[in-house]
Protein backbone atom coordinates (compact mmCIF):
# COMPACT_ATOMS: atom_id res chain seq x y z
CA MET A 1 -1.83 273.97 39.95
CA LYS A 2 1.14 274.70 37.66
CA ARG A 3 2.71 278.48 38.23
CA GLU A 4 1.93 280.10 34.99
CA ILE A 5 5.35 282.42 33.64
CA VAL A 6 3.72 285.02 31.11
CA VAL A 7 6.19 285.75 28.47
CA GLY A 8 6.09 289.30 27.19
CA THR A 9 7.25 289.91 23.13
CA ARG A 10 6.67 291.84 20.43
CA GLN A 11 4.02 291.03 17.92
CA SER A 12 5.85 290.84 15.10
CA LYS A 13 6.64 287.16 13.52
CA LEU A 14 10.33 287.14 14.26
CA ALA A 15 9.33 288.36 17.97
CA MET A 16 6.91 285.68 18.30
CA TRP A 17 9.61 282.92 16.86
CA GLN A 18 12.14 284.49 19.41
CA ALA A 19 9.68 284.04 22.55
CA ASN A 20 8.17 280.60 21.32
CA TRP A 21 12.01 279.35 21.34
CA VAL A 22 12.33 280.54 24.39
CA VAL A 23 9.25 279.34 25.91
CA GLU A 24 10.68 276.13 24.37
CA ARG A 25 13.62 275.71 25.85
CA LEU A 26 12.35 276.51 29.04
CA ARG A 27 9.56 273.79 29.10
CA GLU A 28 12.41 271.24 28.01
CA LEU A 29 14.03 272.28 31.15
CA ARG A 30 11.44 273.33 33.61
CA PRO A 31 8.11 271.27 32.65
CA ASP A 32 7.03 272.35 36.17
CA TYR A 33 6.34 275.58 35.29
CA GLY A 34 3.15 276.60 32.29
CA TYR A 35 3.73 279.30 30.30
CA ARG A 36 2.26 281.75 28.22
CA ILE A 37 2.77 284.30 25.43
CA SER A 38 1.56 287.68 25.93
CA GLY A 39 1.92 290.35 22.58
CA ILE A 40 2.38 293.66 23.35
CA LYS A 41 2.76 296.24 20.55
CA THR A 42 5.60 298.87 21.05
CA GLN A 43 6.59 302.44 19.68
CA GLY A 44 8.67 301.61 17.55
CA ASP A 45 6.10 299.00 15.98
CA SER A 46 3.63 301.51 15.90
CA ILE A 47 6.06 304.26 13.72
CA LEU A 48 6.49 303.14 10.43
CA ASP A 49 6.46 305.76 8.14
CA LEU A 50 9.50 307.47 9.50
CA ALA A 51 13.40 306.17 9.97
CA LEU A 52 14.63 305.08 13.23
CA SER A 53 17.09 307.92 13.47
CA LYS A 54 14.22 310.47 13.46
CA ILE A 55 12.13 308.81 16.53
CA GLY A 56 14.93 308.59 19.20
CA ASP A 57 16.35 305.71 19.95
CA LYS A 58 15.96 305.20 23.46
CA GLY A 59 13.83 301.81 23.75
CA LEU A 60 11.62 302.17 20.75
CA PHE A 61 10.98 298.22 21.03
CA THR A 62 11.37 297.45 24.68
CA LYS A 63 10.13 300.15 26.67
CA GLU A 64 6.44 299.06 26.78
CA LEU A 65 7.27 295.46 27.31
CA GLU A 66 9.53 296.88 30.59
CA LEU A 67 6.58 298.80 32.06
CA ALA A 68 4.70 295.90 31.86
CA MET A 69 7.26 293.84 33.42
CA LEU A 70 7.62 296.24 36.35
CA ARG A 71 3.53 296.58 36.88
CA GLY A 72 3.53 292.73 37.41
CA GLU A 73 2.07 292.09 33.78
CA ILE A 74 4.05 289.71 32.65
CA ASP A 75 6.81 287.69 34.01
CA LEU A 76 9.82 288.30 31.41
CA ALA A 77 10.29 290.05 28.23
CA VAL A 78 12.09 288.52 25.37
CA HIS A 79 14.14 290.58 23.30
CA SER A 80 16.65 290.74 20.21
CA MET A 81 19.76 291.87 22.04
CA LYS A 82 20.16 294.50 19.66
CA ASP A 83 16.80 296.30 20.82
CA LEU A 84 18.22 296.53 24.35
CA PRO A 85 19.10 299.88 25.39
CA THR A 86 22.86 299.58 27.17
CA GLU A 87 21.22 301.03 30.48
CA LEU A 88 17.89 299.30 31.54
CA PRO A 89 15.24 300.70 33.98
CA GLY A 90 15.78 300.52 37.78
CA GLY A 91 14.42 296.96 38.90
CA LEU A 92 14.97 295.05 35.61
CA VAL A 93 17.82 293.14 34.51
CA ILE A 94 19.14 290.62 31.63
CA GLY A 95 18.55 287.13 33.27
CA ALA A 96 19.76 285.16 30.18
CA VAL A 97 21.53 285.89 26.82
CA CYS A 98 20.54 282.75 24.84
CA SER A 99 22.86 281.12 22.05
CA ARG A 100 23.94 283.43 19.63
CA GLU A 101 22.92 282.93 15.81
CA PHE A 102 25.43 283.90 13.04
CA PRO A 103 25.19 287.78 14.31
CA GLY A 104 26.41 289.32 9.90
CA ASP A 105 24.32 290.86 7.90
CA VAL A 106 23.00 289.70 4.40
CA LEU A 107 22.94 291.12 0.90
CA ILE A 108 19.22 290.10 -0.80
CA ALA A 109 19.36 291.31 -4.57
CA ARG A 110 16.36 291.27 -7.19
CA ALA A 111 18.59 290.04 -9.75
CA GLY A 112 20.73 287.87 -7.64
CA LEU A 113 23.74 289.62 -7.35
CA LYS A 114 26.97 289.93 -4.55
CA ILE A 115 27.43 293.98 -3.54
CA ASP A 116 30.57 293.68 -5.72
CA GLU A 117 28.46 292.70 -8.62
CA LEU A 118 25.86 295.54 -7.89
CA PRO A 119 26.13 298.05 -10.81
CA PRO A 120 27.26 301.66 -10.15
CA GLY A 121 24.46 303.78 -8.46
CA ALA A 122 22.78 300.94 -7.51
CA VAL A 123 19.65 301.67 -4.54
CA ILE A 124 19.95 300.15 -1.68
CA GLY A 125 17.32 299.82 0.86
CA THR A 126 17.52 299.94 4.68
CA SER A 127 16.80 301.60 7.56
CA SER A 128 20.14 301.25 9.46
CA LEU A 129 22.47 304.23 9.64
CA ARG A 130 25.13 301.67 10.79
CA ARG A 131 24.61 299.27 7.41
CA ARG A 132 24.31 302.81 5.22
CA ALA A 133 27.73 304.27 6.49
CA GLN A 134 29.77 300.82 6.16
CA ILE A 135 27.97 300.07 3.18
CA LEU A 136 28.65 303.68 1.54
CA HIS A 137 32.33 303.83 2.45
CA TYR A 138 32.96 300.23 0.91
CA ARG A 139 31.25 301.75 -2.46
CA ASN A 140 30.50 305.39 -2.59
CA ASP A 141 28.70 304.99 -5.80
CA PHE A 142 25.85 303.57 -3.97
CA LYS A 143 22.24 305.44 -3.09
CA THR A 144 20.45 304.53 0.31
CA VAL A 145 16.65 304.45 0.70
CA ASP A 146 15.39 304.32 4.04
CA VAL A 147 12.98 301.15 4.44
CA ARG A 148 10.99 300.30 8.01
CA GLY A 149 8.78 297.26 8.45
CA ASN A 150 9.09 294.07 9.58
CA VAL A 151 10.89 291.13 7.62
CA HIS A 152 8.31 290.39 5.41
CA THR A 153 7.30 293.90 4.49
CA ARG A 154 10.90 295.14 3.43
CA LEU A 155 11.27 291.72 1.16
CA ARG A 156 7.60 292.78 -0.25
CA LYS A 157 8.89 296.58 -0.64
CA LEU A 158 11.88 295.29 -2.30
CA ASP A 159 10.04 293.01 -4.63
CA GLU A 160 7.73 295.60 -5.79
CA GLU A 161 10.01 299.06 -5.12
CA THR A 162 12.96 300.16 -7.33
CA MET A 163 15.44 299.40 -5.29
CA ASP A 164 18.55 296.98 -6.37
CA ALA A 165 18.67 295.53 -2.69
CA THR A 166 18.41 295.33 0.68
CA VAL A 167 20.37 294.45 3.72
CA LEU A 168 19.10 292.24 6.62
CA ALA A 169 20.14 290.74 10.05
CA TYR A 170 21.11 286.84 8.97
CA ALA A 171 19.50 285.99 11.83
CA GLY A 172 16.44 287.09 11.52
CA ILE A 173 16.16 285.60 7.42
CA HIS A 174 17.16 282.53 8.86
CA ARG A 175 14.92 282.13 11.69
CA LEU A 176 11.83 282.67 9.31
CA GLY A 177 13.11 280.25 7.06
CA LEU A 178 13.57 282.90 4.49
CA ASN A 179 17.47 281.52 3.30
CA ASN A 180 16.54 281.12 -0.16
CA ARG A 181 16.51 284.76 -0.42
CA ILE A 182 20.09 285.32 0.70
CA THR A 183 22.51 286.44 -1.95
CA GLN A 184 25.19 287.05 0.08
CA LEU A 185 26.74 286.60 3.84
CA ILE A 186 28.19 290.45 4.19
CA PRO A 187 31.59 289.82 5.05
CA PHE A 188 32.61 291.35 8.30
CA THR A 189 35.37 293.47 6.66
CA VAL A 190 32.80 295.06 4.95
CA CYS A 191 29.95 295.97 7.79
CA LEU A 192 30.16 294.87 11.17
CA PRO A 193 26.77 293.66 12.81
CA ALA A 194 24.98 295.92 15.60
CA VAL A 195 25.69 295.45 19.21
CA GLY A 196 23.87 292.06 20.31
CA GLN A 197 22.74 291.51 16.85
CA GLY A 198 21.75 287.38 16.21
CA SER A 199 21.36 287.06 20.18
CA VAL A 200 17.88 286.59 22.17
CA GLY A 201 18.16 288.29 25.21
CA VAL A 202 15.34 287.28 28.33
CA GLU A 203 14.87 290.84 30.98
CA VAL A 204 13.54 289.93 34.15
CA ARG A 205 13.06 291.64 37.29
CA ALA A 206 15.80 291.96 39.12
CA GLY A 207 13.85 291.36 43.09
CA ASP A 208 12.33 287.81 41.39
CA THR A 209 14.59 284.98 42.13
CA GLU A 210 12.38 282.35 41.10
CA VAL A 211 12.33 283.65 37.15
CA GLY A 212 15.99 284.55 37.90
CA HIS A 213 16.77 281.29 38.27
CA LEU A 214 14.50 279.87 35.94
CA VAL A 215 15.71 282.00 32.61
CA SER A 216 19.41 281.10 33.73
CA ALA A 217 18.84 277.64 32.92
CA ILE A 218 19.23 278.83 29.09
CA ASP A 219 21.74 281.38 29.68
CA HIS A 220 25.03 281.40 27.09
CA PRO A 221 28.26 282.39 28.95
CA GLU A 222 30.49 282.65 25.36
CA SER A 223 27.49 284.52 24.13
CA ARG A 224 26.79 286.79 27.20
CA ALA A 225 30.70 287.54 27.01
CA ALA A 226 30.86 288.89 23.60
CA VAL A 227 27.52 290.55 23.86
CA THR A 228 28.47 292.09 27.34
CA ALA A 229 31.41 293.42 25.29
CA GLU A 230 29.64 294.99 22.47
CA ARG A 231 27.01 296.70 24.80
CA ALA A 232 30.28 298.19 27.23
CA LEU A 233 31.53 299.47 23.80
CA LEU A 234 28.44 301.32 23.16
CA ARG A 235 27.33 302.45 26.13
CA LYS A 236 31.12 304.22 26.51
CA LEU A 237 30.67 305.45 23.37
CA GLU A 238 26.76 306.58 23.83
CA GLY A 239 25.46 305.36 20.66
CA GLY A 240 22.02 304.40 19.56
CA CYS A 241 19.82 304.22 16.42
CA GLN A 242 21.35 307.32 15.32
CA ILE A 243 25.12 306.61 15.57
CA PRO A 244 26.55 304.19 12.93
CA ILE A 245 28.67 301.94 15.29
CA GLY A 246 29.08 298.07 14.92
CA ALA A 247 30.62 295.32 17.51
CA LEU A 248 31.50 291.78 16.96
CA GLY A 249 32.70 290.02 19.82
CA ILE A 250 33.97 286.44 19.34
CA VAL A 251 35.12 284.12 21.84
CA ASN A 252 37.62 281.58 21.56
CA GLY A 253 38.33 279.31 24.36
CA LEU A 254 39.37 281.80 27.24
CA GLU A 255 39.79 284.58 24.93
CA LEU A 256 37.83 287.00 23.69
CA CYS A 257 38.34 289.36 20.62
CA LEU A 258 36.63 292.59 20.13
CA GLU A 259 36.21 294.91 17.11
CA GLY A 260 34.75 297.87 16.44
CA VAL A 261 33.95 300.78 14.39
CA VAL A 262 32.46 304.17 13.82
CA ALA A 263 31.57 305.99 10.52
CA ASP A 264 29.73 308.99 9.46
CA LEU A 265 26.50 308.83 7.95
CA GLY A 266 28.22 308.90 4.48
CA GLY A 267 30.67 306.65 5.14
CA GLY A 268 33.77 309.25 4.27
CA GLN A 269 35.38 309.00 7.72
CA LEU A 270 35.40 305.78 9.35
CA VAL A 271 37.43 304.27 12.38
CA ARG A 272 37.49 300.73 12.82
CA SER A 273 39.99 298.55 15.37
CA SER A 274 40.13 295.28 17.42
CA LEU A 275 41.50 294.12 20.89
CA ALA A 276 41.74 290.93 22.45
CA GLY A 277 41.75 289.75 26.35
CA PRO A 278 40.30 287.17 28.95
CA VAL A 279 36.52 286.06 28.78
CA GLU A 280 36.16 287.18 32.35
CA LYS A 281 37.32 291.05 31.39
CA ALA A 282 34.49 291.44 29.10
CA VAL A 283 33.64 294.51 30.09
CA GLU A 284 37.10 296.67 30.88
CA LEU A 285 37.85 295.07 26.90
CA GLY A 286 34.40 296.84 25.47
CA GLU A 287 35.43 300.22 27.30
CA GLN A 288 38.92 299.94 26.39
CA LEU A 289 38.27 299.25 22.14
CA ALA A 290 35.96 302.42 22.83
CA GLY A 291 38.42 304.40 24.10
CA ASN A 292 40.66 303.36 21.48
CA LEU A 293 38.41 304.40 18.97
CA LEU A 294 38.02 307.45 20.57
CA GLU A 295 41.46 308.49 20.23
CA MET A 296 41.77 307.23 16.66
CA GLY A 297 39.09 309.89 15.66
CA ALA A 298 35.62 308.64 16.94
CA GLY A 299 35.14 311.32 19.28
CA ASP A 300 35.14 313.90 16.04
CA ILE A 301 33.15 311.57 14.22
CA LEU A 302 30.26 311.41 16.86
CA SER A 303 30.38 315.02 17.55
CA LYS A 304 29.68 316.25 14.40
CA LEU A 305 27.00 313.63 14.06
CA ARG A 306 24.87 315.08 17.21
CA ARG A 307 25.63 318.59 16.10
CA GLU A 308 24.01 317.26 12.42
CA ILE A 309 20.97 315.28 14.49
CA GLN A 310 20.23 318.80 16.84
CA ILE A 311 20.13 320.98 13.54
CA HIS A 312 17.46 318.75 11.87
CA GLU A 313 15.87 318.22 15.33
């Protein structure tokens, strides 16, 4: 009888797509196992009337999955890498970083307009402080409103409410077969993505060598290196959902190029820089770039942001 591998995931359509994609890859490589997907509701899925920045930033979409894994209820958890905190609970590790989809953001506008074509004062819906800060830095005439919910919910709100456009990750739109809604791929010069955006991660128990070996077969070294550098930058800056930080790592042969940005909430202050180095030095590269950003003024921006957050709590 085949051993059954229980795969934990959030319950949204996108999360289920990701879990099914992982299971399909594993089944192709290791058909000697059985696989079952278990949908688990997380705190981030339960609280939809508040912006993410107002309900904390540590494991909003991962904690319940991690607890289920530590209790032995599931064997692995499939996450969007951008949701996974840089510090994992004791006993858990990232077993695989899967091949990354295009990591950028997209504009979806009601009138089919691009970002430069939107009228002055256009209302942009986004729950991401990172997107908000960079978009406002690019065009400070925009107005932004918080929009929560899964991809389909956000698109429905765009269609029904008084927004001109919304900004979402390309990967989610593409995986759900909604490319026809995309107005524009937002250039990286305008908006750097969230750390890990576009990549699916598989979290496993550190001591479970059997499952660890199983999922290592779907690890993508180039994607892991890029995401590792981005996560190292984020960890050194101590950023999360409450802090507008963007990063993008790109592997070209043996070289890894990493770009990062830190901005204040209104986009008035923004520091951005890049660095390149050997792929095997991904962690050091992320930490070094974070240090460079801090020296350029990111430290002052982050300190001010944290003071503002404490005042509003």
